[in-house]
Amino acid sequence: DICTKYGIRSHRQLSDWIKVYNSGGILKTSTGGAYMKKAKNTTLDERLKIVTDCLANDKNYGAMALKYDCSYQQVRNWVIRYEKMGQAGLEDRRGRRIASLPSRTPEEELRDKIAELERRNLDLQMENDLLKKVRELERGRYL
């Protein structure tokens, strides 16, 4: 009856609140956003604003998700990437070739360098194979 009266979604939530209250715990005033909320399309500036606001509020991901109408997980991922890579971590790099984008971290720079060396190695190997084949064909004609 209480759940229907106050619009609480599940009986389990109400029983959890009662347990916390009876044990002398503190009930949180706000919680995270809705479960499985659709991802919000944001610009780099919006993500930066959300992250800085979240860090200023002691990483309260749920409150920021509600305030900016995006998912809890999005806010959490943005904050983690911002702490790891700075503002470059908030760039949306989906749908672009890795080689066409500038590196954000030393690991990415090394990965790009390795990929370039592997491409060069493959080109040289093909050139070598072609020269061997040409020499082989020339020897066959003159013998």
C-alpha atoms as a PDB file:
ATOM      1  CA  ASP A   1       0.000   0.000   0.000  1.00  0.00           C
ATOM      2  CA  ILE A   2       2.831   2.407   0.856  1.00  0.00           C
ATOM      3  CA  CYS A   3       4.578   1.719  -2.448  1.00  0.00           C
ATOM      4  CA  THR A   4       1.473   2.506  -4.493  1.00  0.00           C
ATOM      5  CA  LYS A   5       0.624   5.566  -2.360  1.00  0.00           C
ATOM      6  CA  TYR A   6       4.074   7.170  -2.823  1.00  0.00           C
ATOM      7  CA  GLY A   7       4.891   5.802  -6.279  1.00  0.00           C
ATOM      8  CA  ILE A   8       7.798   3.596  -5.157  1.00  0.00           C
ATOM      9  CA  ARG A   9       8.684   1.162  -7.931  1.00  0.00           C
ATOM     10  CA  SER A  10       9.492  -1.940  -5.895  1.00  0.00           C
ATOM     11  CA  HIS A  11       8.734  -3.421  -2.495  1.00  0.00           C
ATOM     12  CA  ARG A  12      12.394  -4.362  -2.179  1.00  0.00           C
ATOM     13  CA  GLN A  13      13.423  -0.682  -2.241  1.00  0.00           C
ATOM     14  CA  LEU A  14      11.005   0.127   0.571  1.00  0.00           C
ATOM     15  CA  SER A  15      12.241  -2.771   2.707  1.00  0.00           C
ATOM     16  CA  ASP A  16      15.863  -1.676   2.140  1.00  0.00           C
ATOM     17  CA  TRP A  17      15.001   1.861   3.298  1.00  0.00           C
ATOM     18  CA  ILE A  18      13.300   0.486   6.408  1.00  0.00           C
ATOM     19  CA  LYS A  19      16.360  -1.648   7.244  1.00  0.00           C
ATOM     20  CA  VAL A  20      18.675   1.373   6.895  1.00  0.00           C
ATOM     21  CA  TYR A  21      16.370   3.546   9.004  1.00  0.00           C
ATOM     22  CA  ASN A  22      15.984   0.928  11.761  1.00  0.00           C
ATOM     23  CA  SER A  23      19.738   0.351  11.929  1.00  0.00           C
ATOM     24  CA  GLY A  24      20.356   4.065  12.439  1.00  0.00           C
ATOM     25  CA  GLY A  25      21.853   4.593   8.992  1.00  0.00           C
ATOM     26  CA  ILE A  26      21.523   7.697   6.863  1.00  0.00           C
ATOM     27  CA  LEU A  27      19.196   7.648   3.867  1.00  0.00           C
ATOM     28  CA  LYS A  28      20.576   9.296   0.748  1.00  0.00           C
ATOM     29  CA  THR A  29      18.552  12.237  -0.514  1.00  0.00           C
ATOM     30  CA  SER A  30      19.208  11.563  -4.197  1.00  0.00           C
ATOM     31  CA  THR A  31      20.169   8.493  -6.120  1.00  0.00           C
ATOM     32  CA  GLY A  32      21.360   7.702  -9.621  1.00  0.00           C
ATOM     33  CA  GLY A  33      19.355   8.168 -12.789  1.00  0.00           C
ATOM     34  CA  ALA A  34      16.943   5.678 -14.274  1.00  0.00           C
ATOM     35  CA  TYR A  35      18.168   2.201 -15.071  1.00  0.00           C
ATOM     36  CA  MET A  36      19.366   1.656 -18.645  1.00  0.00           C
ATOM     37  CA  LYS A  37      18.698   5.232 -19.664  1.00  0.00           C
ATOM     38  CA  LYS A  38      19.338   5.999 -23.333  1.00  0.00           C
ATOM     39  CA  ALA A  39      22.737   7.595 -23.892  1.00  0.00           C
ATOM     40  CA  LYS A  40      22.592  11.353 -24.343  1.00  0.00           C
ATOM     41  CA  ASN A  41      24.405  12.949 -27.273  1.00  0.00           C
ATOM     42  CA  THR A  42      26.715  15.604 -25.890  1.00  0.00           C
ATOM     43  CA  THR A  43      29.426  17.908 -27.139  1.00  0.00           C
ATOM     44  CA  LEU A  44      32.949  18.030 -25.745  1.00  0.00           C
ATOM     45  CA  ASP A  45      32.131  21.251 -23.858  1.00  0.00           C
ATOM     46  CA  GLU A  46      29.041  19.690 -22.249  1.00  0.00           C
ATOM     47  CA  ARG A  47      31.005  16.620 -21.161  1.00  0.00           C
ATOM     48  CA  LEU A  48      33.738  18.827 -19.719  1.00  0.00           C
ATOM     49  CA  LYS A  49      31.154  20.864 -17.788  1.00  0.00           C
ATOM     50  CA  ILE A  50      29.494  17.714 -16.415  1.00  0.00           C
ATOM     51  CA  VAL A  51      32.845  16.213 -15.365  1.00  0.00           C
ATOM     52  CA  THR A  52      34.093  19.359 -13.630  1.00  0.00           C
ATOM     53  CA  ASP A  53      30.761  19.731 -11.828  1.00  0.00           C
ATOM     54  CA  CYS A  54      30.916  16.070 -10.773  1.00  0.00           C
ATOM     55  CA  LEU A  55      34.460  16.428  -9.448  1.00  0.00           C
ATOM     56  CA  ALA A  56      33.450  19.573  -7.562  1.00  0.00           C
ATOM     57  CA  ASN A  57      30.629  17.589  -5.906  1.00  0.00           C
ATOM     58  CA  ASP A  58      32.827  14.712  -4.645  1.00  0.00           C
ATOM     59  CA  LYS A  59      32.139  12.446  -7.629  1.00  0.00           C
ATOM     60  CA  ASN A  60      28.400  12.213  -7.031  1.00  0.00           C
ATOM     61  CA  TYR A  61      27.662  10.474 -10.333  1.00  0.00           C
ATOM     62  CA  GLY A  62      23.987   9.904  -9.576  1.00  0.00           C
ATOM     63  CA  ALA A  63      23.233  13.539  -8.817  1.00  0.00           C
ATOM     64  CA  MET A  64      25.034  14.685 -11.962  1.00  0.00           C
ATOM     65  CA  ALA A  65      23.154  12.102 -14.042  1.00  0.00           C
ATOM     66  CA  LEU A  66      19.872  13.491 -12.769  1.00  0.00           C
ATOM     67  CA  LYS A  67      20.953  17.128 -13.086  1.00  0.00           C
ATOM     68  CA  TYR A  68      22.187  16.841 -16.690  1.00  0.00           C
ATOM     69  CA  ASP A  69      19.680  14.188 -17.815  1.00  0.00           C
ATOM     70  CA  CYS A  70      22.186  11.522 -18.823  1.00  0.00           C
ATOM     71  CA  SER A  71      23.041   8.066 -17.528  1.00  0.00           C
ATOM     72  CA  TYR A  72      25.017   7.312 -14.374  1.00  0.00           C
ATOM     73  CA  GLN A  73      27.429   5.122 -16.335  1.00  0.00           C
ATOM     74  CA  GLN A  74      28.128   7.867 -18.887  1.00  0.00           C
ATOM     75  CA  VAL A  75      29.060  10.331 -16.144  1.00  0.00           C
ATOM     76  CA  ARG A  76      31.229   7.756 -14.392  1.00  0.00           C
ATOM     77  CA  ASN A  77      33.073   6.811 -17.596  1.00  0.00           C
ATOM     78  CA  TRP A  78      33.671  10.464 -18.494  1.00  0.00           C
ATOM     79  CA  VAL A  79      35.125  11.211 -15.049  1.00  0.00           C
ATOM     80  CA  ILE A  80      37.417   8.157 -15.178  1.00  0.00           C
ATOM     81  CA  ARG A  81      38.666   9.045 -18.668  1.00  0.00           C
ATOM     82  CA  TYR A  82      39.123  12.702 -17.673  1.00  0.00           C
ATOM     83  CA  GLU A  83      41.209  11.714 -14.646  1.00  0.00           C
ATOM     84  CA  LYS A  84      43.284   9.332 -16.767  1.00  0.00           C
ATOM     85  CA  MET A  85      43.851  11.424 -19.928  1.00  0.00           C
ATOM     86  CA  GLY A  86      42.620  14.940 -19.211  1.00  0.00           C
ATOM     87  CA  GLN A  87      40.365  16.780 -21.627  1.00  0.00           C
ATOM     88  CA  ALA A  88      41.565  14.612 -24.534  1.00  0.00           C
ATOM     89  CA  GLY A  89      39.894  11.619 -22.852  1.00  0.00           C
ATOM     90  CA  LEU A  90      36.477  13.208 -23.355  1.00  0.00           C
ATOM     91  CA  GLU A  91      36.792  13.362 -27.155  1.00  0.00           C
ATOM     92  CA  ASP A  92      34.350  11.213 -29.101  1.00  0.00           C
ATOM     93  CA  ARG A  93      36.598   9.125 -31.319  1.00  0.00           C
ATOM     94  CA  ARG A  94      34.038   6.617 -32.556  1.00  0.00           C
ATOM     95  CA  GLY A  95      33.707   5.970 -36.277  1.00  0.00           C
ATOM     96  CA  ARG A  96      37.163   7.277 -37.164  1.00  0.00           C
ATOM     97  CA  ARG A  97      40.302   5.432 -38.186  1.00  0.00           C
ATOM     98  CA  ILE A  98      42.768   5.123 -35.331  1.00  0.00           C
ATOM     99  CA  ALA A  99      45.714   6.199 -37.466  1.00  0.00           C
ATOM    100  CA  SER A 100      43.986   9.436 -38.524  1.00  0.00           C
ATOM    101  CA  LEU A 101      43.576  10.628 -34.930  1.00  0.00           C
ATOM    102  CA  PRO A 102      46.306  12.147 -32.762  1.00  0.00           C
ATOM    103  CA  SER A 103      47.537  10.042 -29.838  1.00  0.00           C
ATOM    104  CA  ARG A 104      46.212  10.891 -26.384  1.00  0.00           C
ATOM    105  CA  THR A 105      48.517   8.796 -24.232  1.00  0.00           C
ATOM    106  CA  PRO A 106      52.082   7.455 -24.440  1.00  0.00           C
ATOM    107  CA  GLU A 107      50.648   3.963 -24.934  1.00  0.00           C
ATOM    108  CA  GLU A 108      48.708   5.141 -27.974  1.00  0.00           C
ATOM    109  CA  GLU A 109      51.845   6.788 -29.373  1.00  0.00           C
ATOM    110  CA  LEU A 110      53.743   3.509 -29.008  1.00  0.00           C
ATOM    111  CA  ARG A 111      50.879   1.593 -30.586  1.00  0.00           C
ATOM    112  CA  ASP A 112      50.889   3.973 -33.566  1.00  0.00           C
ATOM    113  CA  LYS A 113      54.655   3.678 -33.916  1.00  0.00           C
ATOM    114  CA  ILE A 114      54.491  -0.137 -33.846  1.00  0.00           C
ATOM    115  CA  ALA A 115      51.710  -0.150 -36.456  1.00  0.00           C
ATOM    116  CA  GLU A 116      53.763   2.153 -38.725  1.00  0.00           C
ATOM    117  CA  LEU A 117      56.856  -0.061 -38.382  1.00  0.00           C
ATOM    118  CA  GLU A 118      54.796  -3.174 -39.154  1.00  0.00           C
ATOM    119  CA  ARG A 119      53.398  -1.516 -42.297  1.00  0.00           C
ATOM    120  CA  ARG A 120      56.908  -0.526 -43.380  1.00  0.00           C
ATOM    121  CA  ASN A 121      58.182  -4.035 -42.705  1.00  0.00           C
ATOM    122  CA  LEU A 122      55.382  -5.544 -44.806  1.00  0.00           C
ATOM    123  CA  ASP A 123      56.121  -3.147 -47.706  1.00  0.00           C
ATOM    124  CA  LEU A 124      59.820  -4.018 -47.630  1.00  0.00           C
ATOM    125  CA  GLN A 125      59.048  -7.734 -47.479  1.00  0.00           C
ATOM    126  CA  MET A 126      56.771  -7.469 -50.525  1.00  0.00           C
ATOM    127  CA  GLU A 127      59.402  -5.450 -52.400  1.00  0.00           C
ATOM    128  CA  ASN A 128      62.033  -8.083 -51.549  1.00  0.00           C
ATOM    129  CA  ASP A 129      59.792 -10.903 -52.754  1.00  0.00           C
ATOM    130  CA  LEU A 130      59.104  -9.041 -55.991  1.00  0.00           C
ATOM    131  CA  LEU A 131      62.826  -8.461 -56.671  1.00  0.00           C
ATOM    132  CA  LYS A 132      63.566 -12.153 -56.040  1.00  0.00           C
ATOM    133  CA  LYS A 133      60.858 -13.131 -58.499  1.00  0.00           C
ATOM    134  CA  VAL A 134      62.206 -10.733 -61.152  1.00  0.00           C
ATOM    135  CA  ARG A 135      65.762 -12.120 -60.734  1.00  0.00           C
ATOM    136  CA  GLU A 136      64.425 -15.645 -60.972  1.00  0.00           C
ATOM    137  CA  LEU A 137      62.567 -14.855 -64.191  1.00  0.00           C
ATOM    138  CA  GLU A 138      65.611 -13.100 -65.694  1.00  0.00           C
ATOM    139  CA  ARG A 139      67.838 -16.100 -64.931  1.00  0.00           C
ATOM    140  CA  GLY A 140      65.359 -18.390 -66.605  1.00  0.00           C
ATOM    141  CA  ARG A 141      65.427 -16.391 -69.859  1.00  0.00           C
ATOM    142  CA  TYR A 142      69.192 -16.157 -70.224  1.00  0.00           C
ATOM    143  CA  LEU A 143      70.032 -19.780 -69.411  1.00  0.00           C
END
